[in-house]
Amino acid sequence: MRITVIEHEAEAGLGYLAGWLGVPCDVVRPYLGDEVPVRAADGLIVLGGAAAAWEDERSPWQPATRDLLRRAVDEGTPTLAICLGAQLLTMACGGTVERGAAGLEVGACEVTTLPAAASDRLFGGVGERAVAVQYHQDAMTRLPDGAVPLLTGARYPHQGYRLGETAWAVQFHPEATPEIFAAWTSQPEGGDPAGGLSAHGYSAEDLNAEVKAAEPALVRTWRPVAEAFGDVVRSS
């Protein structure tokens, strides 16, 4: 059993997931010249990145990644799409992704489960509310036809959904360790081309401390989700 992982940039790797999935991963790094495969192995994870889901000129491998995601959904390959990955999945399957009207969502933020999450194979044990790491300014504004919403949030309503029986998309970052998050906030302009964290009223130091303080809750909540995804891959 192997999981194909599409990594869009070196600063946005598997993080926690590397030790939680329980299934070996083959990491594809198209920003270093790796070719995006036509099909995934036994499972597929598409990670986050700074580009917008429609900025194919910035990340020329995105069309191939959308094709890979669409094929994985069609063929029932277990799929977990995270942040940019979730947005690429949404676009690939007929939904809409746009620059978010509510601005930058960043830090340790609350997400709320929806009724369908209670019986979901990944999110059934999350509970009514949970803390999640966020870092995005684009949003999934219309989900693909047939998508089952699983999680929502105060700033952006579409925080997680399932498509078919074995594909999941999350707007937040269950993989992000405090160290990964601090690397994002330390990038020029905080990784935000719209003017940096301070332009949005945020302090990188405060955000880093917030995520670090949330680490026990992050591990407690998202490790079982990652382990459940690994179980889905093995059972498929």
Protein backbone atom coordinates (compact mmCIF):
# COMPACT_ATOMS: atom_id res chain seq x y z
CA MET A 1 0.00 0.00 0.00
CA ARG A 2 1.29 3.47 -0.97
CA ILE A 3 -0.14 7.00 -0.87
CA THR A 4 0.79 9.44 -3.62
CA VAL A 5 1.38 12.91 -2.16
CA ILE A 6 1.48 16.09 -4.24
CA GLU A 7 3.62 18.68 -2.44
CA HIS A 8 3.41 22.17 -3.96
CA GLU A 9 6.30 23.75 -2.07
CA ALA A 10 9.03 22.75 0.38
CA GLU A 11 7.50 24.75 3.25
CA ALA A 12 4.17 22.89 3.00
CA GLY A 13 5.01 19.24 3.54
CA LEU A 14 3.23 16.34 5.23
CA GLY A 15 4.04 17.56 8.74
CA TYR A 16 2.12 15.59 11.33
CA LEU A 17 0.62 13.31 8.68
CA ALA A 18 3.96 11.66 7.97
CA GLY A 19 3.78 9.94 11.34
CA TRP A 20 0.03 9.50 11.60
CA LEU A 21 -1.11 7.84 8.38
CA GLY A 22 0.45 4.43 8.94
CA VAL A 23 0.86 4.01 5.17
CA PRO A 24 4.10 4.74 3.24
CA CYS A 25 3.99 7.87 1.07
CA ASP A 26 5.53 8.68 -2.30
CA VAL A 27 6.00 12.46 -2.33
CA VAL A 28 5.82 14.12 -5.75
CA ARG A 29 7.47 17.58 -5.86
CA PRO A 30 6.54 19.19 -9.19
CA TYR A 31 8.20 22.46 -8.14
CA LEU A 32 11.48 20.49 -8.35
CA GLY A 33 10.61 18.98 -11.71
CA ASP A 34 8.76 15.80 -10.66
CA GLU A 35 5.99 14.85 -13.06
CA VAL A 36 2.47 14.67 -11.65
CA PRO A 37 1.31 11.09 -12.26
CA VAL A 38 -1.76 10.28 -14.33
CA ARG A 39 -3.05 8.07 -11.51
CA ALA A 40 -2.36 7.89 -7.81
CA ALA A 41 -1.19 4.75 -6.06
CA ASP A 42 -3.56 3.30 -3.42
CA GLY A 43 -4.38 6.73 -1.98
CA LEU A 44 -3.87 10.40 -2.80
CA ILE A 45 -3.07 13.45 -0.68
CA VAL A 46 -2.78 16.92 -2.24
CA LEU A 47 -1.25 19.47 0.11
CA GLY A 48 -1.43 23.25 0.35
CA GLY A 49 0.57 26.04 -1.22
CA ALA A 50 0.74 29.79 -1.68
CA ALA A 51 -0.64 29.91 -5.24
CA ALA A 52 -4.32 30.39 -5.96
CA ALA A 53 -6.07 27.36 -7.42
CA TRP A 54 -6.54 29.21 -10.72
CA GLU A 55 -2.94 30.52 -10.98
CA ASP A 56 -1.72 27.91 -13.44
CA GLU A 57 0.92 30.28 -14.80
CA ARG A 58 2.43 30.42 -11.30
CA SER A 59 2.22 26.66 -10.71
CA PRO A 60 2.16 25.04 -14.18
CA TRP A 61 1.50 21.58 -12.71
CA GLN A 62 -1.94 22.55 -11.38
CA PRO A 63 -3.91 21.41 -14.47
CA ALA A 64 -2.33 17.95 -14.18
CA THR A 65 -3.08 17.94 -10.45
CA ARG A 66 -6.73 18.79 -11.10
CA ASP A 67 -6.88 15.95 -13.65
CA LEU A 68 -5.34 13.60 -11.09
CA LEU A 69 -7.89 14.63 -8.47
CA ARG A 70 -10.82 14.27 -10.85
CA ARG A 71 -9.68 10.79 -11.87
CA ALA A 72 -9.19 9.76 -8.24
CA VAL A 73 -12.77 10.78 -7.42
CA ASP A 74 -14.13 9.02 -10.51
CA GLU A 75 -12.22 5.82 -9.74
CA GLY A 76 -12.85 5.81 -5.99
CA THR A 77 -9.22 6.26 -4.96
CA PRO A 78 -9.11 7.42 -1.32
CA THR A 79 -8.25 11.10 -1.46
CA LEU A 80 -7.50 13.80 1.11
CA ALA A 81 -7.18 17.32 -0.30
CA ILE A 82 -5.89 20.07 2.00
CA CYS A 83 -6.29 23.86 1.61
CA LEU A 84 -5.01 24.55 -1.95
CA GLY A 85 -5.53 20.85 -2.60
CA ALA A 86 -9.16 21.19 -1.48
CA GLN A 87 -9.62 24.16 -3.78
CA LEU A 88 -8.08 22.27 -6.71
CA LEU A 89 -10.41 19.34 -6.03
CA THR A 90 -13.36 21.72 -5.89
CA MET A 91 -12.48 23.28 -9.26
CA ALA A 92 -11.68 19.90 -10.82
CA CYS A 93 -15.12 18.56 -9.96
CA GLY A 94 -17.21 21.55 -11.03
CA GLY A 95 -17.27 23.78 -7.95
CA THR A 96 -16.12 27.39 -7.61
CA VAL A 97 -13.09 28.90 -5.87
CA GLU A 98 -12.69 32.66 -5.53
CA ARG A 99 -10.73 35.26 -3.60
CA GLY A 100 -12.42 35.23 -0.21
CA ALA A 101 -14.70 38.15 0.54
CA ALA A 102 -14.03 37.88 4.29
CA GLY A 103 -10.27 38.33 3.94
CA LEU A 104 -7.40 36.34 5.36
CA GLU A 105 -8.22 33.48 7.74
CA VAL A 106 -5.11 32.60 9.72
CA GLY A 107 -4.03 31.03 13.00
CA ALA A 108 -5.72 28.58 15.35
CA CYS A 109 -9.40 28.92 14.43
CA GLU A 110 -12.55 27.11 15.42
CA VAL A 111 -14.37 24.81 13.01
CA THR A 112 -17.77 23.26 13.67
CA THR A 113 -18.96 19.87 12.50
CA LEU A 114 -22.21 19.55 10.57
CA PRO A 115 -24.75 16.73 11.08
CA ALA A 116 -23.32 14.54 8.30
CA ALA A 117 -19.94 14.44 10.05
CA ALA A 118 -21.31 12.24 12.82
CA SER A 119 -21.47 9.20 10.52
CA ASP A 120 -18.43 10.08 8.40
CA ARG A 121 -15.52 7.62 8.40
CA LEU A 122 -12.95 10.36 8.97
CA PHE A 123 -14.71 13.03 11.01
CA GLY A 124 -17.17 11.01 13.09
CA GLY A 125 -15.09 11.43 16.25
CA VAL A 126 -14.21 15.10 15.97
CA GLY A 127 -16.99 16.40 18.19
CA GLU A 128 -19.12 19.50 17.77
CA ARG A 129 -16.25 22.02 17.71
CA ALA A 130 -12.51 21.77 17.14
CA VAL A 131 -9.50 24.02 16.66
CA ALA A 132 -7.69 23.89 13.31
CA VAL A 133 -4.74 25.70 11.75
CA GLN A 134 -5.79 28.10 9.00
CA TYR A 135 -3.81 30.10 6.45
CA HIS A 136 -5.79 31.09 3.36
CA GLN A 137 -7.43 34.01 1.65
CA ASP A 138 -9.21 32.14 -1.14
CA ALA A 139 -12.43 30.26 -0.53
CA MET A 140 -14.53 27.43 -1.90
CA THR A 141 -17.71 29.37 -2.60
CA ARG A 142 -19.68 26.65 -4.41
CA LEU A 143 -19.09 22.97 -3.76
CA PRO A 144 -19.21 20.33 -6.50
CA ASP A 145 -22.56 18.71 -7.18
CA GLY A 146 -23.13 15.84 -4.77
CA ALA A 147 -20.66 17.10 -2.17
CA VAL A 148 -21.63 16.40 1.46
CA PRO A 149 -20.67 19.33 3.73
CA LEU A 150 -19.00 18.11 6.93
CA LEU A 151 -17.45 21.15 8.63
CA THR A 152 -18.13 24.86 8.69
CA GLY A 153 -16.66 28.02 10.22
CA ALA A 154 -17.62 31.55 11.19
CA ARG A 155 -15.52 33.33 8.55
CA TYR A 156 -15.87 30.86 5.67
CA PRO A 157 -18.69 28.29 5.67
CA HIS A 158 -17.14 25.58 3.48
CA GLN A 159 -14.43 24.10 5.73
CA GLY A 160 -14.73 20.44 4.81
CA TYR A 161 -16.74 18.09 2.63
CA ARG A 162 -16.85 14.58 1.24
CA LEU A 163 -17.31 13.80 -2.44
CA GLY A 164 -18.42 10.29 -3.22
CA GLU A 165 -17.48 7.70 -0.63
CA THR A 166 -13.69 8.12 -0.48
CA ALA A 167 -12.68 11.73 -1.26
CA TRP A 168 -12.41 14.43 1.40
CA ALA A 169 -11.50 18.11 1.16
CA VAL A 170 -10.58 20.40 4.07
CA GLN A 171 -9.89 24.12 3.87
CA PHE A 172 -7.71 24.04 7.00
CA HIS A 173 -4.36 22.36 7.71
CA PRO A 174 -4.55 19.20 9.85
CA GLU A 175 -0.93 18.48 8.88
CA ALA A 176 0.54 21.77 10.12
CA THR A 177 2.84 21.59 13.13
CA PRO A 178 3.62 24.81 15.04
CA GLU A 179 7.03 24.78 13.35
CA ILE A 180 5.51 24.58 9.86
CA PHE A 181 3.09 27.38 10.69
CA ALA A 182 5.93 29.57 12.03
CA ALA A 183 7.82 28.97 8.77
CA TRP A 184 4.81 30.30 6.86
CA THR A 185 4.49 33.44 8.98
CA SER A 186 8.22 34.12 8.68
CA GLN A 187 8.16 34.27 4.90
CA PRO A 188 8.33 37.70 3.26
CA GLU A 189 4.98 39.42 3.79
CA GLY A 190 3.90 36.41 5.81
CA GLY A 191 3.41 34.47 2.62
CA ASP A 192 0.59 36.84 1.71
CA PRO A 193 0.91 38.79 -1.56
CA ALA A 194 -1.89 41.14 -0.48
CA GLY A 195 0.42 43.04 1.86
CA GLY A 196 1.51 40.81 4.71
CA LEU A 197 0.04 39.79 8.04
CA SER A 198 0.31 43.26 9.54
CA ALA A 199 -1.78 44.70 6.71
CA HIS A 200 -4.59 42.40 7.89
CA GLY A 201 -4.13 43.37 11.54
CA TYR A 202 -2.23 40.24 12.59
CA SER A 203 1.03 39.74 14.47
CA ALA A 204 3.14 36.77 13.40
CA GLU A 205 4.44 36.41 16.96
CA ASP A 206 0.94 36.29 18.40
CA LEU A 207 -0.27 33.83 15.77
CA ASN A 208 2.71 31.54 16.32
CA ALA A 209 2.08 31.54 20.08
CA GLU A 210 -1.60 30.81 19.50
CA VAL A 211 -0.86 27.79 17.30
CA LYS A 212 1.80 26.50 19.70
CA ALA A 213 -0.64 26.72 22.62
CA ALA A 214 -3.21 24.80 20.57
CA GLU A 215 -0.81 21.95 19.75
CA PRO A 216 -2.22 19.39 22.24
CA ALA A 217 -5.74 20.00 20.92
CA LEU A 218 -4.55 19.82 17.31
CA VAL A 219 -2.88 16.45 17.90
CA ARG A 220 -5.82 15.10 19.88
CA THR A 221 -8.32 16.06 17.17
CA TRP A 222 -6.58 15.48 13.86
CA ARG A 223 -4.42 12.44 14.55
CA PRO A 224 -7.48 10.12 14.65
CA VAL A 225 -8.69 11.68 11.37
CA ALA A 226 -5.36 10.95 9.67
CA GLU A 227 -5.31 7.42 11.09
CA ALA A 228 -8.86 6.89 9.79
CA PHE A 229 -7.77 8.00 6.32
CA GLY A 230 -4.93 5.49 6.46
CA ASP A 231 -7.50 2.82 7.37
CA VAL A 232 -9.61 3.80 4.35
CA VAL A 233 -6.58 3.43 2.08
CA ARG A 234 -5.76 0.00 3.48
CA SER A 235 -9.35 -1.21 3.27
CA SER A 236 -9.77 -0.02 -0.30
